[in-house]
Amino acid sequence: MKLKASARGKKRYILLSIADKEKAEKIFLESLGTLGWAKAHPLFMNLGNKVVIVVDSACVDDIRAACELSSEDISIIRVSGTLKGLKR
């Protein structure tokens, strides 16, 4: 069954400066907790030597805060609503 566009959740693509998705997932789980991580509906993708994480649009600020609070060297390069916009 195909959902209407209005019924689907809005997603944001976040380009991270880290190349290891397991390390990124550990950082986000540590700061957001299991419930916060589940609300974000995360999906990891690779884009060259960078990691792209697809999250719910309401959780972008939580992901930003998790990056800032982390002691690891992780930062957000760009946030976009489409993959094409992220590659520019």
PDB file of N, CA and C in Angstrom:
ATOM      1  N   MET A   1       0.844  -1.168   0.000  1.00  0.00           N
ATOM      2  CA  MET A   1       0.000   0.000   0.000  1.00  0.00           C
ATOM      3  C   MET A   1       0.893   1.236   0.000  1.00  0.00           C
ATOM      4  N   LYS A   2       0.622   2.129  -0.910  1.00  0.00           N
ATOM      5  CA  LYS A   2       1.413   3.337  -1.027  1.00  0.00           C
ATOM      6  C   LYS A   2       0.746   4.472  -0.252  1.00  0.00           C
ATOM      7  N   LEU A   3       1.569   5.199   0.516  1.00  0.00           N
ATOM      8  CA  LEU A   3       1.045   6.318   1.299  1.00  0.00           C
ATOM      9  C   LEU A   3       1.047   7.598   0.481  1.00  0.00           C
ATOM     10  N   LYS A   4       0.101   8.461   0.798  1.00  0.00           N
ATOM     11  CA  LYS A   4       0.096   9.779   0.190  1.00  0.00           C
ATOM     12  C   LYS A   4       1.278  10.574   0.729  1.00  0.00           C
ATOM     13  N   ALA A   5       1.692  11.566  -0.001  1.00  0.00           N
ATOM     14  CA  ALA A   5       2.807  12.398   0.429  1.00  0.00           C
ATOM     15  C   ALA A   5       2.491  13.119   1.733  1.00  0.00           C
ATOM     16  N   SER A   6       1.241  13.463   1.937  1.00  0.00           N
ATOM     17  CA  SER A   6       0.862  14.168   3.161  1.00  0.00           C
ATOM     18  C   SER A   6       0.882  13.249   4.385  1.00  0.00           C
ATOM     19  N   ALA A   7       0.818  11.950   4.167  1.00  0.00           N
ATOM     20  CA  ALA A   7       0.812  10.996   5.277  1.00  0.00           C
ATOM     21  C   ALA A   7       2.219  10.568   5.685  1.00  0.00           C
ATOM     22  N   ARG A   8       3.184  10.793   4.809  1.00  0.00           N
ATOM     23  CA  ARG A   8       4.564  10.422   5.119  1.00  0.00           C
ATOM     24  C   ARG A   8       5.213  11.485   5.991  1.00  0.00           C
ATOM     25  N   GLY A   9       6.166  11.059   6.790  1.00  0.00           N
ATOM     26  CA  GLY A   9       6.891  11.999   7.629  1.00  0.00           C
ATOM     27  C   GLY A   9       7.910  12.785   6.832  1.00  0.00           C
ATOM     28  N   LYS A  10       8.225  13.993   7.287  1.00  0.00           N
ATOM     29  CA  LYS A  10       9.226  14.813   6.614  1.00  0.00           C
ATOM     30  C   LYS A  10      10.602  14.389   7.104  1.00  0.00           C
ATOM     31  N   LYS A  11      11.533  14.268   6.175  1.00  0.00           N
ATOM     32  CA  LYS A  11      12.876  13.823   6.505  1.00  0.00           C
ATOM     33  C   LYS A  11      13.879  14.915   6.197  1.00  0.00           C
ATOM     34  N   ARG A  12      14.991  14.877   6.900  1.00  0.00           N
ATOM     35  CA  ARG A  12      16.119  15.762   6.627  1.00  0.00           C
ATOM     36  C   ARG A  12      17.359  14.909   6.491  1.00  0.00           C
ATOM     37  N   TYR A  13      18.208  15.276   5.562  1.00  0.00           N
ATOM     38  CA  TYR A  13      19.467  14.601   5.322  1.00  0.00           C
ATOM     39  C   TYR A  13      20.571  15.432   5.957  1.00  0.00           C
ATOM     40  N   ILE A  14      21.363  14.815   6.838  1.00  0.00           N
ATOM     41  CA  ILE A  14      22.416  15.517   7.556  1.00  0.00           C
ATOM     42  C   ILE A  14      23.752  14.911   7.165  1.00  0.00           C
ATOM     43  N   LEU A  15      24.643  15.749   6.630  1.00  0.00           N
ATOM     44  CA  LEU A  15      25.982  15.316   6.241  1.00  0.00           C
ATOM     45  C   LEU A  15      26.913  15.537   7.423  1.00  0.00           C
ATOM     46  N   LEU A  16      27.515  14.451   7.901  1.00  0.00           N
ATOM     47  CA  LEU A  16      28.405  14.503   9.055  1.00  0.00           C
ATOM     48  C   LEU A  16      29.855  14.464   8.617  1.00  0.00           C
ATOM     49  N   SER A  17      30.736  14.983   9.457  1.00  0.00           N
ATOM     50  CA  SER A  17      32.152  15.028   9.138  1.00  0.00           C
ATOM     51  C   SER A  17      32.885  13.759   9.559  1.00  0.00           C
ATOM     52  N   ILE A  18      32.186  12.787  10.046  1.00  0.00           N
ATOM     53  CA  ILE A  18      32.795  11.551  10.530  1.00  0.00           C
ATOM     54  C   ILE A  18      32.586  10.455   9.481  1.00  0.00           C
ATOM     55  N   ALA A  19      33.534   9.528   9.362  1.00  0.00           N
ATOM     56  CA  ALA A  19      33.446   8.494   8.341  1.00  0.00           C
ATOM     57  C   ALA A  19      32.943   7.162   8.887  1.00  0.00           C
ATOM     58  N   ASP A  20      32.892   6.996  10.192  1.00  0.00           N
ATOM     59  CA  ASP A  20      32.512   5.727  10.809  1.00  0.00           C
ATOM     60  C   ASP A  20      31.092   5.828  11.352  1.00  0.00           C
ATOM     61  N   LYS A  21      30.164   5.088  10.747  1.00  0.00           N
ATOM     62  CA  LYS A  21      28.766   5.206  11.160  1.00  0.00           C
ATOM     63  C   LYS A  21      28.509   4.559  12.515  1.00  0.00           C
ATOM     64  N   GLU A  22      29.270   3.519  12.888  1.00  0.00           N
ATOM     65  CA  GLU A  22      29.100   2.909  14.200  1.00  0.00           C
ATOM     66  C   GLU A  22      29.477   3.885  15.312  1.00  0.00           C
ATOM     67  N   LYS A  23      30.548   4.641  15.074  1.00  0.00           N
ATOM     68  CA  LYS A  23      30.986   5.638  16.043  1.00  0.00           C
ATOM     69  C   LYS A  23      29.943   6.750  16.176  1.00  0.00           C
ATOM     70  N   ALA A  24      29.374   7.173  15.056  1.00  0.00           N
ATOM     71  CA  ALA A  24      28.339   8.212  15.066  1.00  0.00           C
ATOM     72  C   ALA A  24      27.097   7.723  15.797  1.00  0.00           C
ATOM     73  N   GLU A  25      26.702   6.482  15.545  1.00  0.00           N
ATOM     74  CA  GLU A  25      25.523   5.932  16.208  1.00  0.00           C
ATOM     75  C   GLU A  25      25.741   5.839  17.717  1.00  0.00           C
ATOM     76  N   LYS A  26      26.938   5.471  18.125  1.00  0.00           N
ATOM     77  CA  LYS A  26      27.253   5.398  19.554  1.00  0.00           C
ATOM     78  C   LYS A  26      27.156   6.778  20.212  1.00  0.00           C
ATOM     79  N   ILE A  27      27.643   7.794  19.520  1.00  0.00           N
ATOM     80  CA  ILE A  27      27.581   9.167  20.042  1.00  0.00           C
ATOM     81  C   ILE A  27      26.133   9.607  20.216  1.00  0.00           C
ATOM     82  N   PHE A  28      25.293   9.348  19.221  1.00  0.00           N
ATOM     83  CA  PHE A  28      23.900   9.776  19.286  1.00  0.00           C
ATOM     84  C   PHE A  28      23.111   8.995  20.335  1.00  0.00           C
ATOM     85  N   LEU A  29      23.365   7.701  20.447  1.00  0.00           N
ATOM     86  CA  LEU A  29      22.684   6.906  21.465  1.00  0.00           C
ATOM     87  C   LEU A  29      23.071   7.353  22.860  1.00  0.00           C
ATOM     88  N   GLU A  30      24.329   7.718  23.033  1.00  0.00           N
ATOM     89  CA  GLU A  30      24.814   8.157  24.334  1.00  0.00           C
ATOM     90  C   GLU A  30      24.146   9.456  24.781  1.00  0.00           C
ATOM     91  N   SER A  31      23.963  10.375  23.862  1.00  0.00           N
ATOM     92  CA  SER A  31      23.418  11.675  24.249  1.00  0.00           C
ATOM     93  C   SER A  31      21.887  11.745  24.161  1.00  0.00           C
ATOM     94  N   LEU A  32      21.280  11.093  23.195  1.00  0.00           N
ATOM     95  CA  LEU A  32      19.823  11.160  23.033  1.00  0.00           C
ATOM     96  C   LEU A  32      19.086  10.084  23.812  1.00  0.00           C
ATOM     97  N   GLY A  33      19.737   8.982  24.065  1.00  0.00           N
ATOM     98  CA  GLY A  33      19.078   7.857  24.703  1.00  0.00           C
ATOM     99  C   GLY A  33      18.331   7.032  23.668  1.00  0.00           C
ATOM    100  N   THR A  34      17.855   5.904  24.092  1.00  0.00           N
ATOM    101  CA  THR A  34      17.172   4.987  23.175  1.00  0.00           C
ATOM    102  C   THR A  34      15.865   5.566  22.664  1.00  0.00           C
ATOM    103  N   LEU A  35      15.111   6.205  23.529  1.00  0.00           N
ATOM    104  CA  LEU A  35      13.816   6.753  23.122  1.00  0.00           C
ATOM    105  C   LEU A  35      13.971   7.915  22.147  1.00  0.00           C
ATOM    106  N   GLY A  36      14.906   8.815  22.415  1.00  0.00           N
ATOM    107  CA  GLY A  36      15.152   9.936  21.515  1.00  0.00           C
ATOM    108  C   GLY A  36      15.678   9.486  20.163  1.00  0.00           C
ATOM    109  N   TRP A  37      16.518   8.456  20.186  1.00  0.00           N
ATOM    110  CA  TRP A  37      17.066   7.913  18.949  1.00  0.00           C
ATOM    111  C   TRP A  37      15.967   7.241  18.137  1.00  0.00           C
ATOM    112  N   ALA A  38      15.027   6.576  18.812  1.00  0.00           N
ATOM    113  CA  ALA A  38      13.920   5.920  18.117  1.00  0.00           C
ATOM    114  C   ALA A  38      12.967   6.948  17.508  1.00  0.00           C
ATOM    115  N   LYS A  39      12.766   8.081  18.171  1.00  0.00           N
ATOM    116  CA  LYS A  39      11.888   9.130  17.641  1.00  0.00           C
ATOM    117  C   LYS A  39      12.460   9.762  16.377  1.00  0.00           C
ATOM    118  N   ALA A  40      13.775   9.736  16.239  1.00  0.00           N
ATOM    119  CA  ALA A  40      14.421  10.349  15.077  1.00  0.00           C
ATOM    120  C   ALA A  40      14.280   9.496  13.812  1.00  0.00           C
ATOM    121  N   HIS A  41      13.938   8.213  13.952  1.00  0.00           N
ATOM    122  CA  HIS A  41      13.839   7.291  12.819  1.00  0.00           C
ATOM    123  C   HIS A  41      15.100   7.358  11.950  1.00  0.00           C
ATOM    124  N   PRO A  42      16.269   7.017  12.502  1.00  0.00           N
ATOM    125  CA  PRO A  42      17.525   7.201  11.769  1.00  0.00           C
ATOM    126  C   PRO A  42      17.746   6.172  10.672  1.00  0.00           C
ATOM    127  N   LEU A  43      18.430   6.612   9.638  1.00  0.00           N
ATOM    128  CA  LEU A  43      18.864   5.754   8.549  1.00  0.00           C
ATOM    129  C   LEU A  43      20.212   6.283   8.085  1.00  0.00           C
ATOM    130  N   PHE A  44      21.219   5.422   8.055  1.00  0.00           N
ATOM    131  CA  PHE A  44      22.557   5.834   7.665  1.00  0.00           C
ATOM    132  C   PHE A  44      22.813   5.528   6.202  1.00  0.00           C
ATOM    133  N   MET A  45      23.532   6.442   5.549  1.00  0.00           N
ATOM    134  CA  MET A  45      23.951   6.272   4.157  1.00  0.00           C
ATOM    135  C   MET A  45      25.394   6.736   4.045  1.00  0.00           C
ATOM    136  N   ASN A  46      26.119   6.206   3.071  1.00  0.00           N
ATOM    137  CA  ASN A  46      27.487   6.651   2.824  1.00  0.00           C
ATOM    138  C   ASN A  46      27.515   7.549   1.601  1.00  0.00           C
ATOM    139  N   LEU A  47      28.281   8.608   1.677  1.00  0.00           N
ATOM    140  CA  LEU A  47      28.457   9.547   0.572  1.00  0.00           C
ATOM    141  C   LEU A  47      29.945   9.838   0.483  1.00  0.00           C
ATOM    142  N   GLY A  48      30.658   9.011  -0.281  1.00  0.00           N
ATOM    143  CA  GLY A  48      32.112   9.142  -0.342  1.00  0.00           C
ATOM    144  C   GLY A  48      32.718   8.713   0.977  1.00  0.00           C
ATOM    145  N   ASN A  49      33.532   9.565   1.579  1.00  0.00           N
ATOM    146  CA  ASN A  49      34.133   9.241   2.872  1.00  0.00           C
ATOM    147  C   ASN A  49      33.389   9.911   4.019  1.00  0.00           C
ATOM    148  N   LYS A  50      32.190  10.381   3.777  1.00  0.00           N
ATOM    149  CA  LYS A  50      31.357  11.015   4.796  1.00  0.00           C
ATOM    150  C   LYS A  50      30.140  10.136   5.069  1.00  0.00           C
ATOM    151  N   VAL A  51      29.488  10.393   6.182  1.00  0.00           N
ATOM    152  CA  VAL A  51      28.276   9.666   6.557  1.00  0.00           C
ATOM    153  C   VAL A  51      27.090  10.620   6.467  1.00  0.00           C
ATOM    154  N   VAL A  52      26.010  10.140   5.864  1.00  0.00           N
ATOM    155  CA  VAL A  52      24.763  10.889   5.791  1.00  0.00           C
ATOM    156  C   VAL A  52      23.761  10.158   6.669  1.00  0.00           C
ATOM    157  N   ILE A  53      23.105  10.907   7.531  1.00  0.00           N
ATOM    158  CA  ILE A  53      22.067  10.328   8.379  1.00  0.00           C
ATOM    159  C   ILE A  53      20.739  10.976   8.005  1.00  0.00           C
ATOM    160  N   VAL A  54      19.730  10.134   7.803  1.00  0.00           N
ATOM    161  CA  VAL A  54      18.389  10.602   7.454  1.00  0.00           C
ATOM    162  C   VAL A  54      17.554  10.528   8.730  1.00  0.00           C
ATOM    163  N   VAL A  55      17.007  11.667   9.156  1.00  0.00           N
ATOM    164  CA  VAL A  55      16.228  11.718  10.398  1.00  0.00           C
ATOM    165  C   VAL A  55      14.920  12.463  10.169  1.00  0.00           C
ATOM    166  N   ASP A  56      14.027  12.333  11.114  1.00  0.00           N
ATOM    167  CA  ASP A  56      12.774  13.075  11.105  1.00  0.00           C
ATOM    168  C   ASP A  56      13.086  14.561  11.257  1.00  0.00           C
ATOM    169  N   SER A  57      12.343  15.412  10.594  1.00  0.00           N
ATOM    170  CA  SER A  57      12.641  16.847  10.597  1.00  0.00           C
ATOM    171  C   SER A  57      12.510  17.476  11.978  1.00  0.00           C
ATOM    172  N   ALA A  58      11.697  16.908  12.837  1.00  0.00           N
ATOM    173  CA  ALA A  58      11.522  17.457  14.181  1.00  0.00           C
ATOM    174  C   ALA A  58      12.721  17.177  15.086  1.00  0.00           C
ATOM    175  N   CYS A  59      13.570  16.255  14.710  1.00  0.00           N
ATOM    176  CA  CYS A  59      14.696  15.841  15.557  1.00  0.00           C
ATOM    177  C   CYS A  59      16.039  16.422  15.116  1.00  0.00           C
ATOM    178  N   VAL A  60      16.046  17.310  14.158  1.00  0.00           N
ATOM    179  CA  VAL A  60      17.308  17.878  13.669  1.00  0.00           C
ATOM    180  C   VAL A  60      18.017  18.656  14.771  1.00  0.00           C
ATOM    181  N   ASP A  61      17.278  19.410  15.563  1.00  0.00           N
ATOM    182  CA  ASP A  61      17.889  20.166  16.655  1.00  0.00           C
ATOM    183  C   ASP A  61      18.488  19.243  17.711  1.00  0.00           C
ATOM    184  N   ASP A  62      17.857  18.104  17.958  1.00  0.00           N
ATOM    185  CA  ASP A  62      18.398  17.142  18.911  1.00  0.00           C
ATOM    186  C   ASP A  62      19.716  16.553  18.410  1.00  0.00           C
ATOM    187  N   ILE A  63      19.790  16.288  17.115  1.00  0.00           N
ATOM    188  CA  ILE A  63      21.013  15.754  16.527  1.00  0.00           C
ATOM    189  C   ILE A  63      22.127  16.799  16.588  1.00  0.00           C
ATOM    190  N   ARG A  64      21.782  18.046  16.317  1.00  0.00           N
ATOM    191  CA  ARG A  64      22.766  19.137  16.425  1.00  0.00           C
ATOM    192  C   ARG A  64      23.316  19.248  17.842  1.00  0.00           C
ATOM    193  N   ALA A  65      22.420  19.162  18.823  1.00  0.00           N
ATOM    194  CA  ALA A  65      22.839  19.249  20.222  1.00  0.00           C
ATOM    195  C   ALA A  65      23.732  18.074  20.601  1.00  0.00           C
ATOM    196  N   ALA A  66      23.417  16.891  20.098  1.00  0.00           N
ATOM    197  CA  ALA A  66      24.231  15.718  20.400  1.00  0.00           C
ATOM    198  C   ALA A  66      25.637  15.869  19.828  1.00  0.00           C
ATOM    199  N   CYS A  67      25.744  16.472  18.650  1.00  0.00           N
ATOM    200  CA  CYS A  67      27.071  16.704  18.051  1.00  0.00           C
ATOM    201  C   CYS A  67      27.870  17.707  18.864  1.00  0.00           C
ATOM    202  N   GLU A  68      27.211  18.731  19.352  1.00  0.00           N
ATOM    203  CA  GLU A  68      27.900  19.760  20.130  1.00  0.00           C
ATOM    204  C   GLU A  68      28.326  19.244  21.497  1.00  0.00           C
ATOM    205  N   LEU A  69      27.529  18.396  22.117  1.00  0.00           N
ATOM    206  CA  LEU A  69      27.834  17.882  23.440  1.00  0.00           C
ATOM    207  C   LEU A  69      28.867  16.760  23.436  1.00  0.00           C
ATOM    208  N   SER A  70      29.120  16.195  22.283  1.00  0.00           N
ATOM    209  CA  SER A  70      30.039  15.071  22.186  1.00  0.00           C
ATOM    210  C   SER A  70      31.490  15.516  22.372  1.00  0.00           C
ATOM    211  N   SER A  71      32.254  14.674  23.032  1.00  0.00           N
ATOM    212  CA  SER A  71      33.690  14.947  23.184  1.00  0.00           C
ATOM    213  C   SER A  71      34.470  14.504  21.950  1.00  0.00           C
ATOM    214  N   GLU A  72      33.840  13.735  21.087  1.00  0.00           N
ATOM    215  CA  GLU A  72      34.464  13.287  19.837  1.00  0.00           C
ATOM    216  C   GLU A  72      34.488  14.429  18.822  1.00  0.00           C
ATOM    217  N   ASP A  73      35.308  14.252  17.794  1.00  0.00           N
ATOM    218  CA  ASP A  73      35.410  15.260  16.737  1.00  0.00           C
ATOM    219  C   ASP A  73      34.371  14.964  15.661  1.00  0.00           C
ATOM    220  N   ILE A  74      33.137  15.396  15.906  1.00  0.00           N
ATOM    221  CA  ILE A  74      32.044  15.198  14.956  1.00  0.00           C
ATOM    222  C   ILE A  74      31.338  16.536  14.773  1.00  0.00           C
ATOM    223  N   SER A  75      31.038  16.859  13.523  1.00  0.00           N
ATOM    224  CA  SER A  75      30.319  18.098  13.260  1.00  0.00           C
ATOM    225  C   SER A  75      29.391  17.896  12.066  1.00  0.00           C
ATOM    226  N   ILE A  76      28.412  18.776  11.973  1.00  0.00           N
ATOM    227  CA  ILE A  76      27.455  18.741  10.880  1.00  0.00           C
ATOM    228  C   ILE A  76      27.954  19.685   9.792  1.00  0.00           C
ATOM    229  N   ILE A  77      28.124  19.153   8.598  1.00  0.00           N
ATOM    230  CA  ILE A  77      28.582  19.961   7.472  1.00  0.00           C
ATOM    231  C   ILE A  77      27.413  20.678   6.820  1.00  0.00           C
ATOM    232  N   ARG A  78      26.312  19.931   6.606  1.00  0.00           N
ATOM    233  CA  ARG A  78      25.167  20.519   5.910  1.00  0.00           C
ATOM    234  C   ARG A  78      23.898  19.740   6.234  1.00  0.00           C
ATOM    235  N   VAL A  79      22.765  20.442   6.246  1.00  0.00           N
ATOM    236  CA  VAL A  79      21.451  19.831   6.422  1.00  0.00           C
ATOM    237  C   VAL A  79      20.619  20.212   5.215  1.00  0.00           C
ATOM    238  N   SER A  80      19.937  19.220   4.635  1.00  0.00           N
ATOM    239  CA  SER A  80      19.146  19.488   3.449  1.00  0.00           C
ATOM    240  C   SER A  80      17.878  18.636   3.468  1.00  0.00           C
ATOM    241  N   GLY A  81      16.918  19.043   2.676  1.00  0.00           N
ATOM    242  CA  GLY A  81      15.673  18.293   2.546  1.00  0.00           C
ATOM    243  C   GLY A  81      15.740  17.241   1.462  1.00  0.00           C
ATOM    244  N   THR A  82      16.761  17.322   0.589  1.00  0.00           N
ATOM    245  CA  THR A  82      16.928  16.342  -0.485  1.00  0.00           C
ATOM    246  C   THR A  82      18.387  15.916  -0.583  1.00  0.00           C
ATOM    247  N   LEU A  83      18.607  14.742  -1.140  1.00  0.00           N
ATOM    248  CA  LEU A  83      19.986  14.287  -1.349  1.00  0.00           C
ATOM    249  C   LEU A  83      20.692  15.117  -2.392  1.00  0.00           C
ATOM    250  N   LYS A  84      19.959  15.550  -3.400  1.00  0.00           N
ATOM    251  CA  LYS A  84      20.553  16.378  -4.446  1.00  0.00           C
ATOM    252  C   LYS A  84      21.059  17.687  -3.879  1.00  0.00           C
ATOM    253  N   GLY A  85      20.297  18.285  -2.986  1.00  0.00           N
ATOM    254  CA  GLY A  85      20.720  19.526  -2.345  1.00  0.00           C
ATOM    255  C   GLY A  85      21.900  19.330  -1.418  1.00  0.00           C
ATOM    256  N   LEU A  86      22.030  18.130  -0.876  1.00  0.00           N
ATOM    257  CA  LEU A  86      23.127  17.833   0.027  1.00  0.00           C
ATOM    258  C   LEU A  86      24.438  17.673  -0.727  1.00  0.00           C
ATOM    259  N   LYS A  87      24.380  17.202  -1.968  1.00  0.00           N
ATOM    260  CA  LYS A  87      25.593  16.964  -2.757  1.00  0.00           C
ATOM    261  C   LYS A  87      26.202  18.247  -3.305  1.00  0.00           C
ATOM    262  N   ARG A  88      25.432  19.324  -3.357  1.00  0.00           N
ATOM    263  CA  ARG A  88      25.952  20.575  -3.907  1.00  0.00           C
ATOM    264  C   ARG A  88      27.060  21.142  -3.074  1.00  0.00           C
TER     265      ARG A  88
END
